Amino acid sequence: MTLLKLMISLSFMFNGDVLTNQSVKELVEKGLSENLIVAIIANTETNFNTSVDAILKLQEEGVPDKVLEAMLD
């Protein structure tokens, strides 16, 4: 894992940031692995829009199904 990826994940885990749909999209765009994003979701406060339209938009934007499933759990 690159230093940048580690810094991003630690930032969310320890700074009290709230994950949103936009932040998940940004993590995907930065190239973090599915497993790392799922772990961040599991260990961070979240405020996701999980409407059908929002999930379809994230899927169109390249967010993997495994990450979308974690957002819905």
C-alpha atoms as a PDB file:
ATOM      1  CA  MET A   1       0.000   0.000   0.000  1.00  0.00           C
ATOM      2  CA  THR A   2       1.346   3.400  -0.870  1.00  0.00           C
ATOM      3  CA  LEU A   3       1.910   6.007   1.780  1.00  0.00           C
ATOM      4  CA  LEU A   4      -0.898   8.158   0.313  1.00  0.00           C
ATOM      5  CA  LYS A   5      -3.397   5.306   0.574  1.00  0.00           C
ATOM      6  CA  LEU A   6      -2.360   4.616   4.145  1.00  0.00           C
ATOM      7  CA  MET A   7      -2.668   8.288   5.084  1.00  0.00           C
ATOM      8  CA  ILE A   8      -6.158   8.521   3.565  1.00  0.00           C
ATOM      9  CA  SER A   9      -7.396   5.435   5.384  1.00  0.00           C
ATOM     10  CA  LEU A  10      -5.899   6.506   8.700  1.00  0.00           C
ATOM     11  CA  SER A  11      -7.356   9.988   8.268  1.00  0.00           C
ATOM     12  CA  PHE A  12     -10.878   8.581   8.101  1.00  0.00           C
ATOM     13  CA  MET A  13     -10.308   6.094  10.903  1.00  0.00           C
ATOM     14  CA  PHE A  14      -8.864   8.511  13.441  1.00  0.00           C
ATOM     15  CA  ASN A  15     -10.033  12.033  12.589  1.00  0.00           C
ATOM     16  CA  GLY A  16     -13.698  11.468  13.252  1.00  0.00           C
ATOM     17  CA  ASP A  17     -14.618  12.143   9.626  1.00  0.00           C
ATOM     18  CA  VAL A  18     -18.011  10.940   8.443  1.00  0.00           C
ATOM     19  CA  LEU A  19     -18.013   8.891   5.269  1.00  0.00           C
ATOM     20  CA  THR A  20     -20.485   9.934   2.591  1.00  0.00           C
ATOM     21  CA  ASN A  21     -21.241   8.701  -0.905  1.00  0.00           C
ATOM     22  CA  GLN A  22     -18.859  11.340  -2.243  1.00  0.00           C
ATOM     23  CA  SER A  23     -16.017  10.288   0.046  1.00  0.00           C
ATOM     24  CA  VAL A  24     -16.429   6.631  -0.975  1.00  0.00           C
ATOM     25  CA  LYS A  25     -16.323   7.667  -4.635  1.00  0.00           C
ATOM     26  CA  GLU A  26     -13.116   9.625  -3.938  1.00  0.00           C
ATOM     27  CA  LEU A  27     -11.507   6.633  -2.207  1.00  0.00           C
ATOM     28  CA  VAL A  28     -12.290   4.498  -5.263  1.00  0.00           C
ATOM     29  CA  GLU A  29     -10.894   7.179  -7.583  1.00  0.00           C
ATOM     30  CA  LYS A  30      -7.692   7.333  -5.515  1.00  0.00           C
ATOM     31  CA  GLY A  31      -7.206   3.624  -6.165  1.00  0.00           C
ATOM     32  CA  LEU A  32      -7.737   2.167  -2.701  1.00  0.00           C
ATOM     33  CA  SER A  33      -8.548  -1.545  -2.782  1.00  0.00           C
ATOM     34  CA  GLU A  34     -12.076  -2.817  -2.249  1.00  0.00           C
ATOM     35  CA  ASN A  35     -10.991  -4.545   0.962  1.00  0.00           C
ATOM     36  CA  LEU A  36      -9.466  -1.388   2.382  1.00  0.00           C
ATOM     37  CA  ILE A  37     -12.542   0.697   1.562  1.00  0.00           C
ATOM     38  CA  VAL A  38     -14.797  -1.933   3.155  1.00  0.00           C
ATOM     39  CA  ALA A  39     -12.603  -1.868   6.281  1.00  0.00           C
ATOM     40  CA  ILE A  40     -12.785   1.927   6.412  1.00  0.00           C
ATOM     41  CA  ILE A  41     -16.585   1.779   6.092  1.00  0.00           C
ATOM     42  CA  ALA A  42     -16.757  -0.780   8.925  1.00  0.00           C
ATOM     43  CA  ASN A  43     -14.624   1.380  11.233  1.00  0.00           C
ATOM     44  CA  THR A  44     -15.902   4.866  10.474  1.00  0.00           C
ATOM     45  CA  GLU A  45     -19.066   6.810  11.141  1.00  0.00           C
ATOM     46  CA  THR A  46     -21.136   6.933   7.965  1.00  0.00           C
ATOM     47  CA  ASN A  47     -23.923   8.991   6.486  1.00  0.00           C
ATOM     48  CA  PHE A  48     -24.722   7.323   3.175  1.00  0.00           C
ATOM     49  CA  ASN A  49     -27.549   8.053   0.799  1.00  0.00           C
ATOM     50  CA  THR A  50     -28.650   4.514  -0.048  1.00  0.00           C
ATOM     51  CA  SER A  51     -31.585   5.356  -2.265  1.00  0.00           C
ATOM     52  CA  VAL A  52     -31.855   3.354  -5.468  1.00  0.00           C
ATOM     53  CA  ASP A  53     -30.838   6.377  -7.539  1.00  0.00           C
ATOM     54  CA  ALA A  54     -27.786   7.070  -5.366  1.00  0.00           C
ATOM     55  CA  ILE A  55     -26.600   3.445  -5.490  1.00  0.00           C
ATOM     56  CA  LEU A  56     -27.068   3.296  -9.273  1.00  0.00           C
ATOM     57  CA  LYS A  57     -25.092   6.522  -9.644  1.00  0.00           C
ATOM     58  CA  LEU A  58     -22.222   5.147  -7.551  1.00  0.00           C
ATOM     59  CA  GLN A  59     -22.234   1.962  -9.622  1.00  0.00           C
ATOM     60  CA  GLU A  60     -22.071   4.026 -12.830  1.00  0.00           C
ATOM     61  CA  GLU A  61     -19.144   5.956 -11.323  1.00  0.00           C
ATOM     62  CA  GLY A  62     -17.189   2.747 -10.820  1.00  0.00           C
ATOM     63  CA  VAL A  63     -17.765   1.919  -7.161  1.00  0.00           C
ATOM     64  CA  PRO A  64     -17.438  -1.895  -6.900  1.00  0.00           C
ATOM     65  CA  ASP A  65     -20.399  -4.000  -5.795  1.00  0.00           C
ATOM     66  CA  LYS A  66     -18.473  -5.228  -2.732  1.00  0.00           C
ATOM     67  CA  VAL A  67     -18.155  -1.620  -1.544  1.00  0.00           C
ATOM     68  CA  LEU A  68     -21.806  -0.881  -2.301  1.00  0.00           C
ATOM     69  CA  GLU A  69     -22.800  -3.947  -0.255  1.00  0.00           C
ATOM     70  CA  ALA A  70     -20.721  -2.688   2.669  1.00  0.00           C
ATOM     71  CA  MET A  71     -22.475   0.669   2.435  1.00  0.00           C
ATOM     72  CA  LEU A  72     -25.850  -1.087   2.716  1.00  0.00           C
ATOM     73  CA  ASP A  73     -24.915  -3.234   5.742  1.00  0.00           C
END
